Amino acid sequence: MRIPVGRSVNSNRMNSGRRLLATLAGIVSIAVTAAHPATALSGDTASTVTRTEVTFSNSNTGQVIGRGYYQISRSRSSQTIIGENRYLDGERDEEVDCLNLSESGDLTLETYNHKFLNADGSPQSIDMLDVKTGIAACTSYSGDEQRVREVKLVVPQDTYAGSAQLALLSRRLKQGEREIAMHSFICFPGPRIVAIKATPVAQTSWTARPGKLLNLTISLDLGWLTRLTDRFIPTASGLFDPDDDFSYVGGTFDRFYRRRHVTMLCSRRPDFSVPLER
């Protein structure tokens, strides 16, 4: 999330909402994979691929406003997430995350790259983080003008971004934890590592999924900026199924200055394996 150069306050609010929507869309893919871990073939000779489709709709009218597609390739020692969201207004975003996968099954972020594009295909902004070097960049565009904010950060080991953020949350939910803390990379107003807190609200029912679901709220801790930016950051929550290894089934959240409620649903396709290139 970032305030783009040369944009009005209303445009800033919309872009913050758009980035959060894209982030939550990516969360679907990693949550499903974390809840249903795939097993690669012997060594690193093959990768197991998970594909997830995402649908966004207006919570009040039920009207579809966009769709997303994510592919996750998982080998014994690494995981790559490639995703794209397209909206009916023509805008889209593209994301690539690379993660390390330890023998114990823990995921750590290596690199994160997220591009946001206008309806005509021109760049709106690009968010980038290299965990090993600590180099983070938030690039924004206004017409032919480009503004790059690049810094070197100290990156905690439990830092995630974009689609990778729920990897830790899903895993800890299955381990019995409920109050969960981690760190996140964001572009607001420039490159930053911030704390994230996930708290269960209650068990609830949803017409799109039978049984009782765990409702988890996710909030950012921006330090002294929290009071200034709280009303600009939409609220977010996710629904997890305790009877299905706490798999993510969807959720409802706010966009654009808490004025538009969005419902997100995901549909996971069967896994398949492909040989790795040598």
C-alpha atoms as a PDB file:
ATOM      1  CA  MET A   1       0.000   0.000   0.000  1.00  0.00           C
ATOM      2  CA  ARG A   2       1.419   3.379  -1.000  1.00  0.00           C
ATOM      3  CA  ILE A   3       0.309   6.942  -1.704  1.00  0.00           C
ATOM      4  CA  PRO A   4       1.122   7.292  -5.432  1.00  0.00           C
ATOM      5  CA  VAL A   5       2.853  10.416  -6.700  1.00  0.00           C
ATOM      6  CA  GLY A   6       0.613  13.099  -8.117  1.00  0.00           C
ATOM      7  CA  ARG A   7      -2.647  11.418  -7.042  1.00  0.00           C
ATOM      8  CA  SER A   8      -5.501  13.076  -5.168  1.00  0.00           C
ATOM      9  CA  VAL A   9      -6.548  11.997  -1.666  1.00  0.00           C
ATOM     10  CA  ASN A  10      -9.527  10.047  -3.049  1.00  0.00           C
ATOM     11  CA  SER A  11      -7.265   8.278  -5.537  1.00  0.00           C
ATOM     12  CA  ASN A  12      -4.874   7.420  -2.718  1.00  0.00           C
ATOM     13  CA  ARG A  13      -7.683   5.802  -0.762  1.00  0.00           C
ATOM     14  CA  MET A  14      -8.759   3.768  -3.776  1.00  0.00           C
ATOM     15  CA  ASN A  15      -5.227   2.578  -4.493  1.00  0.00           C
ATOM     16  CA  SER A  16      -4.744   1.569  -0.848  1.00  0.00           C
ATOM     17  CA  GLY A  17      -7.944  -0.443  -1.101  1.00  0.00           C
ATOM     18  CA  ARG A  18      -6.868  -1.958  -4.418  1.00  0.00           C
ATOM     19  CA  ARG A  19      -3.537  -3.096  -2.966  1.00  0.00           C
ATOM     20  CA  LEU A  20      -5.224  -4.644   0.049  1.00  0.00           C
ATOM     21  CA  LEU A  21      -7.673  -6.431  -2.240  1.00  0.00           C
ATOM     22  CA  ALA A  22      -4.799  -7.804  -4.298  1.00  0.00           C
ATOM     23  CA  THR A  23      -2.987  -8.872  -1.153  1.00  0.00           C
ATOM     24  CA  LEU A  24      -6.046 -10.661   0.187  1.00  0.00           C
ATOM     25  CA  ALA A  25      -6.574 -12.353  -3.144  1.00  0.00           C
ATOM     26  CA  GLY A  26      -3.062 -13.719  -2.955  1.00  0.00           C
ATOM     27  CA  ILE A  27      -3.668 -14.809   0.604  1.00  0.00           C
ATOM     28  CA  VAL A  28      -6.245 -17.265  -0.736  1.00  0.00           C
ATOM     29  CA  SER A  29      -3.672 -19.219  -2.702  1.00  0.00           C
ATOM     30  CA  ILE A  30      -1.091 -19.574   0.050  1.00  0.00           C
ATOM     31  CA  ALA A  31      -3.735 -20.363   2.647  1.00  0.00           C
ATOM     32  CA  VAL A  32      -5.136 -23.204   0.606  1.00  0.00           C
ATOM     33  CA  THR A  33      -1.685 -24.629  -0.021  1.00  0.00           C
ATOM     34  CA  ALA A  34      -0.627 -24.332   3.615  1.00  0.00           C
ATOM     35  CA  ALA A  35      -3.795 -26.061   4.731  1.00  0.00           C
ATOM     36  CA  HIS A  36      -3.396 -28.842   2.168  1.00  0.00           C
ATOM     37  CA  PRO A  37       0.377 -29.431   1.889  1.00  0.00           C
ATOM     38  CA  ALA A  38       1.444 -31.281  -1.211  1.00  0.00           C
ATOM     39  CA  THR A  39       4.294 -33.792  -1.257  1.00  0.00           C
ATOM     40  CA  ALA A  40       6.903 -33.511  -3.969  1.00  0.00           C
ATOM     41  CA  LEU A  41       8.468 -36.545  -5.595  1.00  0.00           C
ATOM     42  CA  SER A  42      11.853 -37.829  -4.413  1.00  0.00           C
ATOM     43  CA  GLY A  43      14.542 -35.167  -4.118  1.00  0.00           C
ATOM     44  CA  ASP A  44      13.916 -32.043  -6.152  1.00  0.00           C
ATOM     45  CA  THR A  45      13.161 -33.881  -9.396  1.00  0.00           C
ATOM     46  CA  ALA A  46       9.545 -32.744  -9.545  1.00  0.00           C
ATOM     47  CA  SER A  47       7.325 -29.918  -8.386  1.00  0.00           C
ATOM     48  CA  THR A  48       3.737 -30.214  -7.205  1.00  0.00           C
ATOM     49  CA  VAL A  49       1.515 -27.517  -8.684  1.00  0.00           C
ATOM     50  CA  THR A  50      -1.605 -26.096  -7.033  1.00  0.00           C
ATOM     51  CA  ARG A  51      -3.981 -23.848  -8.983  1.00  0.00           C
ATOM     52  CA  THR A  52      -6.548 -21.613  -7.332  1.00  0.00           C
ATOM     53  CA  GLU A  53      -9.231 -19.418  -8.887  1.00  0.00           C
ATOM     54  CA  VAL A  54     -10.579 -16.397  -7.017  1.00  0.00           C
ATOM     55  CA  THR A  55     -13.818 -14.463  -7.500  1.00  0.00           C
ATOM     56  CA  PHE A  56     -14.511 -11.012  -6.051  1.00  0.00           C
ATOM     57  CA  SER A  57     -18.060  -9.729  -5.686  1.00  0.00           C
ATOM     58  CA  ASN A  58     -19.882  -6.796  -4.148  1.00  0.00           C
ATOM     59  CA  SER A  59     -21.177  -8.014  -0.784  1.00  0.00           C
ATOM     60  CA  ASN A  60     -24.331  -5.889  -1.008  1.00  0.00           C
ATOM     61  CA  THR A  61     -25.393  -6.696  -4.573  1.00  0.00           C
ATOM     62  CA  GLY A  62     -23.593  -9.978  -5.286  1.00  0.00           C
ATOM     63  CA  GLN A  63     -22.256  -8.489  -8.520  1.00  0.00           C
ATOM     64  CA  VAL A  64     -18.893  -9.886  -9.646  1.00  0.00           C
ATOM     65  CA  ILE A  65     -16.214  -7.171  -9.840  1.00  0.00           C
ATOM     66  CA  GLY A  66     -13.139  -9.231 -10.680  1.00  0.00           C
ATOM     67  CA  ARG A  67     -11.406 -12.586 -10.848  1.00  0.00           C
ATOM     68  CA  GLY A  68      -7.972 -13.913  -9.971  1.00  0.00           C
ATOM     69  CA  TYR A  69      -5.824 -16.915 -10.791  1.00  0.00           C
ATOM     70  CA  TYR A  70      -2.880 -18.268  -8.772  1.00  0.00           C
ATOM     71  CA  GLN A  71      -0.423 -21.070  -9.449  1.00  0.00           C
ATOM     72  CA  ILE A  72       1.832 -22.415  -6.691  1.00  0.00           C
ATOM     73  CA  SER A  73       4.787 -24.657  -7.565  1.00  0.00           C
ATOM     74  CA  ARG A  74       6.159 -26.544  -4.587  1.00  0.00           C
ATOM     75  CA  SER A  75       9.287 -28.715  -4.478  1.00  0.00           C
ATOM     76  CA  ARG A  76      11.102 -30.199  -1.498  1.00  0.00           C
ATOM     77  CA  SER A  77      13.078 -27.007  -0.756  1.00  0.00           C
ATOM     78  CA  SER A  78      11.241 -24.120  -2.409  1.00  0.00           C
ATOM     79  CA  GLN A  79       7.879 -22.680  -3.311  1.00  0.00           C
ATOM     80  CA  THR A  80       6.952 -20.159  -6.002  1.00  0.00           C
ATOM     81  CA  ILE A  81       3.659 -18.280  -6.187  1.00  0.00           C
ATOM     82  CA  ILE A  82       2.563 -16.647  -9.458  1.00  0.00           C
ATOM     83  CA  GLY A  83      -0.718 -14.770  -9.446  1.00  0.00           C
ATOM     84  CA  GLU A  84      -2.803 -12.337 -11.461  1.00  0.00           C
ATOM     85  CA  ASN A  85      -5.984 -10.438 -10.616  1.00  0.00           C
ATOM     86  CA  ARG A  86      -8.161  -8.820 -13.277  1.00  0.00           C
ATOM     87  CA  TYR A  87     -10.985  -6.386 -12.611  1.00  0.00           C
ATOM     88  CA  LEU A  88     -13.952  -5.440 -14.747  1.00  0.00           C
ATOM     89  CA  ASP A  89     -12.702  -1.855 -14.949  1.00  0.00           C
ATOM     90  CA  GLY A  90      -9.647  -3.144 -16.842  1.00  0.00           C
ATOM     91  CA  GLU A  91      -7.060  -2.773 -14.090  1.00  0.00           C
ATOM     92  CA  ARG A  92      -4.957  -5.763 -13.084  1.00  0.00           C
ATOM     93  CA  ASP A  93      -2.013  -6.771 -10.921  1.00  0.00           C
ATOM     94  CA  GLU A  94       0.679  -9.448 -11.229  1.00  0.00           C
ATOM     95  CA  GLU A  95       2.644 -11.029  -8.387  1.00  0.00           C
ATOM     96  CA  VAL A  96       5.616 -13.394  -8.070  1.00  0.00           C
ATOM     97  CA  ASP A  97       6.791 -14.655  -4.646  1.00  0.00           C
ATOM     98  CA  CYS A  98       9.734 -16.998  -4.041  1.00  0.00           C
ATOM     99  CA  LEU A  99      10.023 -18.813  -0.699  1.00  0.00           C
ATOM    100  CA  ASN A 100      12.331 -21.311   0.998  1.00  0.00           C
ATOM    101  CA  LEU A 101      10.788 -24.487   2.396  1.00  0.00           C
ATOM    102  CA  SER A 102      12.648 -26.146   5.276  1.00  0.00           C
ATOM    103  CA  GLU A 103      12.586 -29.854   6.143  1.00  0.00           C
ATOM    104  CA  SER A 104      10.248 -29.049   9.038  1.00  0.00           C
ATOM    105  CA  GLY A 105       7.808 -27.455   6.597  1.00  0.00           C
ATOM    106  CA  ASP A 106       8.383 -23.819   7.588  1.00  0.00           C
ATOM    107  CA  LEU A 107       8.254 -21.215   4.824  1.00  0.00           C
ATOM    108  CA  THR A 108      10.491 -18.142   4.702  1.00  0.00           C
ATOM    109  CA  LEU A 109      10.249 -15.405   2.104  1.00  0.00           C
ATOM    110  CA  GLU A 110      13.117 -14.894  -0.373  1.00  0.00           C
ATOM    111  CA  THR A 111      11.813 -12.343  -2.867  1.00  0.00           C
ATOM    112  CA  TYR A 112       8.572 -10.484  -3.499  1.00  0.00           C
ATOM    113  CA  ASN A 113       7.533  -8.595  -6.637  1.00  0.00           C
ATOM    114  CA  HIS A 114       4.079  -7.115  -7.212  1.00  0.00           C
ATOM    115  CA  LYS A 115       3.093  -4.990 -10.229  1.00  0.00           C
ATOM    116  CA  PHE A 116      -0.115  -2.927 -10.388  1.00  0.00           C
ATOM    117  CA  LEU A 117      -1.250  -1.950 -13.904  1.00  0.00           C
ATOM    118  CA  ASN A 118      -3.760   0.515 -15.291  1.00  0.00           C
ATOM    119  CA  ALA A 119      -6.486  -0.492 -17.747  1.00  0.00           C
ATOM    120  CA  ASP A 120      -4.275   0.523 -20.697  1.00  0.00           C
ATOM    121  CA  GLY A 121      -1.436  -1.682 -19.445  1.00  0.00           C
ATOM    122  CA  SER A 122       0.747   1.164 -18.187  1.00  0.00           C
ATOM    123  CA  PRO A 123       2.336   0.684 -14.754  1.00  0.00           C
ATOM    124  CA  GLN A 124       0.625   2.136 -11.710  1.00  0.00           C
ATOM    125  CA  SER A 125       3.149   0.942  -9.112  1.00  0.00           C
ATOM    126  CA  ILE A 126       5.659  -1.821  -8.374  1.00  0.00           C
ATOM    127  CA  ASP A 127       6.483  -3.218  -4.912  1.00  0.00           C
ATOM    128  CA  MET A 128       9.703  -5.231  -4.452  1.00  0.00           C
ATOM    129  CA  LEU A 129      11.603  -6.869  -1.592  1.00  0.00           C
ATOM    130  CA  ASP A 130      14.774  -8.987  -1.556  1.00  0.00           C
ATOM    131  CA  VAL A 131      15.006 -10.533   1.912  1.00  0.00           C
ATOM    132  CA  LYS A 132      18.639 -11.672   1.643  1.00  0.00           C
ATOM    133  CA  THR A 133      20.000  -8.225   0.761  1.00  0.00           C
ATOM    134  CA  GLY A 134      17.311  -6.285   2.622  1.00  0.00           C
ATOM    135  CA  ILE A 135      16.786  -4.078  -0.435  1.00  0.00           C
ATOM    136  CA  ALA A 136      13.179  -2.875  -0.716  1.00  0.00           C
ATOM    137  CA  ALA A 137      11.723  -0.573  -3.374  1.00  0.00           C
ATOM    138  CA  CYS A 138       8.359   1.090  -3.882  1.00  0.00           C
ATOM    139  CA  THR A 139       7.991   2.577  -7.361  1.00  0.00           C
ATOM    140  CA  SER A 140       5.016   4.739  -8.350  1.00  0.00           C
ATOM    141  CA  TYR A 141       4.035   6.253 -11.696  1.00  0.00           C
ATOM    142  CA  SER A 142       2.100   9.371 -12.679  1.00  0.00           C
ATOM    143  CA  GLY A 143       1.925   9.813 -16.426  1.00  0.00           C
ATOM    144  CA  ASP A 144       5.512   9.712 -17.669  1.00  0.00           C
ATOM    145  CA  GLU A 145       6.867  10.438 -14.186  1.00  0.00           C
ATOM    146  CA  GLN A 146       8.465   7.641 -12.169  1.00  0.00           C
ATOM    147  CA  ARG A 147       9.300   7.868  -8.479  1.00  0.00           C
ATOM    148  CA  VAL A 148      11.402   5.194  -6.774  1.00  0.00           C
ATOM    149  CA  ARG A 149      11.698   4.913  -3.005  1.00  0.00           C
ATOM    150  CA  GLU A 150      14.459   2.408  -2.224  1.00  0.00           C
ATOM    151  CA  VAL A 151      15.908   1.563   1.188  1.00  0.00           C
ATOM    152  CA  LYS A 152      17.838  -1.215   2.898  1.00  0.00           C
ATOM    153  CA  LEU A 153      15.822  -2.786   5.695  1.00  0.00           C
ATOM    154  CA  VAL A 154      16.492  -5.154   8.563  1.00  0.00           C
ATOM    155  CA  VAL A 155      14.081  -7.965   7.712  1.00  0.00           C
ATOM    156  CA  PRO A 156      12.867 -10.225  10.560  1.00  0.00           C
ATOM    157  CA  GLN A 157      12.733 -13.929   9.758  1.00  0.00           C
ATOM    158  CA  ASP A 158       8.934 -14.013  10.094  1.00  0.00           C
ATOM    159  CA  THR A 159       8.427 -11.324   7.416  1.00  0.00           C
ATOM    160  CA  TYR A 160       6.047 -12.044   4.548  1.00  0.00           C
ATOM    161  CA  ALA A 161       4.390  -9.995   1.811  1.00  0.00           C
ATOM    162  CA  GLY A 162       1.488 -10.306  -0.592  1.00  0.00           C
ATOM    163  CA  SER A 163       0.341 -13.858  -1.117  1.00  0.00           C
ATOM    164  CA  ALA A 164       2.802 -15.328   1.376  1.00  0.00           C
ATOM    165  CA  GLN A 165       1.380 -13.594   4.435  1.00  0.00           C
ATOM    166  CA  LEU A 166      -1.015 -16.320   5.498  1.00  0.00           C
ATOM    167  CA  ALA A 167       1.524 -19.138   5.284  1.00  0.00           C
ATOM    168  CA  LEU A 168       2.475 -18.626   8.909  1.00  0.00           C
ATOM    169  CA  LEU A 169      -1.101 -17.900  10.032  1.00  0.00           C
ATOM    170  CA  SER A 170      -2.588 -21.061   8.546  1.00  0.00           C
ATOM    171  CA  ARG A 171       0.186 -23.229   9.917  1.00  0.00           C
ATOM    172  CA  ARG A 172      -0.101 -21.804  13.441  1.00  0.00           C
ATOM    173  CA  LEU A 173      -3.875 -22.171  13.449  1.00  0.00           C
ATOM    174  CA  LYS A 174      -3.414 -25.877  12.784  1.00  0.00           C
ATOM    175  CA  GLN A 175      -0.877 -25.992  15.632  1.00  0.00           C
ATOM    176  CA  GLY A 176      -3.499 -24.671  18.035  1.00  0.00           C
ATOM    177  CA  GLU A 177      -2.395 -21.027  18.294  1.00  0.00           C
ATOM    178  CA  ARG A 178      -5.007 -18.284  18.134  1.00  0.00           C
ATOM    179  CA  GLU A 179      -3.288 -14.949  18.928  1.00  0.00           C
ATOM    180  CA  ILE A 180      -0.749 -14.813  16.105  1.00  0.00           C
ATOM    181  CA  ALA A 181       1.927 -12.190  15.419  1.00  0.00           C
ATOM    182  CA  MET A 182       4.205 -11.779  12.399  1.00  0.00           C
ATOM    183  CA  HIS A 183       5.757  -9.057  10.223  1.00  0.00           C
ATOM    184  CA  SER A 184       4.753  -7.734   6.822  1.00  0.00           C
ATOM    185  CA  PHE A 185       6.426  -5.717   4.069  1.00  0.00           C
ATOM    186  CA  ILE A 186       4.255  -2.873   2.750  1.00  0.00           C
ATOM    187  CA  CYS A 187       4.643   0.302   0.717  1.00  0.00           C
ATOM    188  CA  PHE A 188       2.895   2.862   2.916  1.00  0.00           C
ATOM    189  CA  PRO A 189       3.968   5.561   2.468  1.00  0.00           C
ATOM    190  CA  GLY A 190       7.315   4.033   1.509  1.00  0.00           C
ATOM    191  CA  PRO A 191       9.114   0.689   2.085  1.00  0.00           C
ATOM    192  CA  ARG A 192       8.350  -0.515   5.613  1.00  0.00           C
ATOM    193  CA  ILE A 193       8.347  -3.654   7.743  1.00  0.00           C
ATOM    194  CA  VAL A 194       5.360  -3.574  10.086  1.00  0.00           C
ATOM    195  CA  ALA A 195       3.896  -5.890  12.701  1.00  0.00           C
ATOM    196  CA  ILE A 196       0.721  -7.843  11.965  1.00  0.00           C
ATOM    197  CA  LYS A 197      -1.667  -9.241  14.542  1.00  0.00           C
ATOM    198  CA  ALA A 198      -4.273 -11.886  13.736  1.00  0.00           C
ATOM    199  CA  THR A 199      -7.040 -12.450  16.264  1.00  0.00           C
ATOM    200  CA  PRO A 200      -9.995 -14.866  16.160  1.00  0.00           C
ATOM    201  CA  VAL A 201     -13.362 -13.137  16.623  1.00  0.00           C
ATOM    202  CA  ALA A 202     -15.712 -16.102  16.925  1.00  0.00           C
ATOM    203  CA  GLN A 203     -16.976 -19.174  15.160  1.00  0.00           C
ATOM    204  CA  THR A 204     -19.582 -18.337  12.556  1.00  0.00           C
ATOM    205  CA  SER A 205     -21.722 -19.836   9.800  1.00  0.00           C
ATOM    206  CA  TRP A 206     -21.602 -18.970   6.099  1.00  0.00           C
ATOM    207  CA  THR A 207     -24.098 -19.943   3.422  1.00  0.00           C
ATOM    208  CA  ALA A 208     -21.258 -20.659   0.975  1.00  0.00           C
ATOM    209  CA  ARG A 209     -19.745 -23.285   3.293  1.00  0.00           C
ATOM    210  CA  PRO A 210     -21.431 -25.723   5.704  1.00  0.00           C
ATOM    211  CA  GLY A 211     -20.370 -26.067   9.339  1.00  0.00           C
ATOM    212  CA  LYS A 212     -18.803 -23.692  11.816  1.00  0.00           C
ATOM    213  CA  LEU A 213     -15.932 -21.522  10.565  1.00  0.00           C
ATOM    214  CA  LEU A 214     -13.251 -19.595  12.447  1.00  0.00           C
ATOM    215  CA  ASN A 215     -13.424 -15.855  11.764  1.00  0.00           C
ATOM    216  CA  LEU A 216      -9.943 -14.298  11.920  1.00  0.00           C
ATOM    217  CA  THR A 217      -9.329 -10.532  11.812  1.00  0.00           C
ATOM    218  CA  ILE A 218      -6.003  -9.154  10.575  1.00  0.00           C
ATOM    219  CA  SER A 219      -4.703  -5.730  11.592  1.00  0.00           C
ATOM    220  CA  LEU A 220      -1.520  -3.737  10.920  1.00  0.00           C
ATOM    221  CA  ASP A 221       0.554  -2.028  13.611  1.00  0.00           C
ATOM    222  CA  LEU A 222       2.105   1.065  11.990  1.00  0.00           C
ATOM    223  CA  GLY A 223       3.370   2.518  15.249  1.00  0.00           C
ATOM    224  CA  TRP A 224       2.658   6.228  15.614  1.00  0.00           C
ATOM    225  CA  LEU A 225       1.175   6.247  12.069  1.00  0.00           C
ATOM    226  CA  THR A 226      -1.641   3.937  13.152  1.00  0.00           C
ATOM    227  CA  ARG A 227      -3.807   6.756  14.501  1.00  0.00           C
ATOM    228  CA  LEU A 228      -3.335   8.787  11.319  1.00  0.00           C
ATOM    229  CA  THR A 229      -3.896   5.965   8.839  1.00  0.00           C
ATOM    230  CA  ASP A 230      -6.386   3.686  10.590  1.00  0.00           C
ATOM    231  CA  ARG A 231      -9.416   5.131   8.830  1.00  0.00           C
ATOM    232  CA  PHE A 232      -7.676   4.867   5.432  1.00  0.00           C
ATOM    233  CA  ILE A 233      -6.918   1.146   5.804  1.00  0.00           C
ATOM    234  CA  PRO A 234      -9.861  -1.198   5.129  1.00  0.00           C
ATOM    235  CA  THR A 235     -10.595  -3.882   7.694  1.00  0.00           C
ATOM    236  CA  ALA A 236      -9.838  -7.492   6.745  1.00  0.00           C
ATOM    237  CA  SER A 237     -11.032 -10.855   7.982  1.00  0.00           C
ATOM    238  CA  GLY A 238     -10.842 -14.435   6.791  1.00  0.00           C
ATOM    239  CA  LEU A 239     -12.898 -17.571   7.368  1.00  0.00           C
ATOM    240  CA  PHE A 240     -11.123 -20.875   8.086  1.00  0.00           C
ATOM    241  CA  ASP A 241     -12.628 -24.345   8.313  1.00  0.00           C
ATOM    242  CA  PRO A 242     -11.492 -26.228  11.480  1.00  0.00           C
ATOM    243  CA  ASP A 243     -12.871 -29.468  10.037  1.00  0.00           C
ATOM    244  CA  ASP A 244     -10.664 -29.174   6.952  1.00  0.00           C
ATOM    245  CA  ASP A 245      -7.212 -28.439   8.454  1.00  0.00           C
ATOM    246  CA  PHE A 246      -8.132 -24.757   8.791  1.00  0.00           C
ATOM    247  CA  SER A 247      -8.293 -24.283   5.043  1.00  0.00           C
ATOM    248  CA  TYR A 248      -9.226 -20.788   3.898  1.00  0.00           C
ATOM    249  CA  VAL A 249     -12.746 -20.721   2.430  1.00  0.00           C
ATOM    250  CA  GLY A 250     -13.214 -17.012   1.767  1.00  0.00           C
ATOM    251  CA  GLY A 251     -13.973 -13.797   3.556  1.00  0.00           C
ATOM    252  CA  THR A 252     -15.477 -10.341   3.577  1.00  0.00           C
ATOM    253  CA  PHE A 253     -13.577  -7.075   3.826  1.00  0.00           C
ATOM    254  CA  ASP A 254     -13.864  -3.370   3.069  1.00  0.00           C
ATOM    255  CA  ARG A 255     -12.394  -1.446   0.167  1.00  0.00           C
ATOM    256  CA  PHE A 256     -11.942   2.221  -0.587  1.00  0.00           C
ATOM    257  CA  TYR A 257     -12.131   3.982   2.749  1.00  0.00           C
ATOM    258  CA  ARG A 258     -14.506   1.433   4.292  1.00  0.00           C
ATOM    259  CA  ARG A 259     -17.353   2.203   1.913  1.00  0.00           C
ATOM    260  CA  ARG A 260     -17.496  -0.863  -0.310  1.00  0.00           C
ATOM    261  CA  HIS A 261     -17.851  -4.346   1.108  1.00  0.00           C
ATOM    262  CA  VAL A 262     -16.297  -7.164  -0.913  1.00  0.00           C
ATOM    263  CA  THR A 263     -16.787 -10.908  -0.647  1.00  0.00           C
ATOM    264  CA  MET A 264     -14.034 -13.251  -1.834  1.00  0.00           C
ATOM    265  CA  LEU A 265     -14.464 -16.915  -2.771  1.00  0.00           C
ATOM    266  CA  CYS A 266     -11.779 -19.373  -3.872  1.00  0.00           C
ATOM    267  CA  SER A 267     -11.935 -22.579  -5.867  1.00  0.00           C
ATOM    268  CA  ARG A 268      -8.982 -24.984  -5.831  1.00  0.00           C
ATOM    269  CA  ARG A 269      -8.246 -27.281  -8.765  1.00  0.00           C
ATOM    270  CA  PRO A 270      -6.650 -30.745  -8.417  1.00  0.00           C
ATOM    271  CA  ASP A 271      -2.873 -30.798  -7.873  1.00  0.00           C
ATOM    272  CA  PHE A 272      -0.489 -32.196 -10.470  1.00  0.00           C
ATOM    273  CA  SER A 273       3.275 -32.805 -10.667  1.00  0.00           C
ATOM    274  CA  VAL A 274       5.720 -31.591 -13.303  1.00  0.00           C
ATOM    275  CA  PRO A 275       9.445 -32.380 -13.759  1.00  0.00           C
ATOM    276  CA  LEU A 276      11.872 -29.650 -12.722  1.00  0.00           C
ATOM    277  CA  GLU A 277      14.234 -28.223 -15.336  1.00  0.00           C
ATOM    278  CA  ARG A 278      17.830 -29.337 -15.068  1.00  0.00           C
END
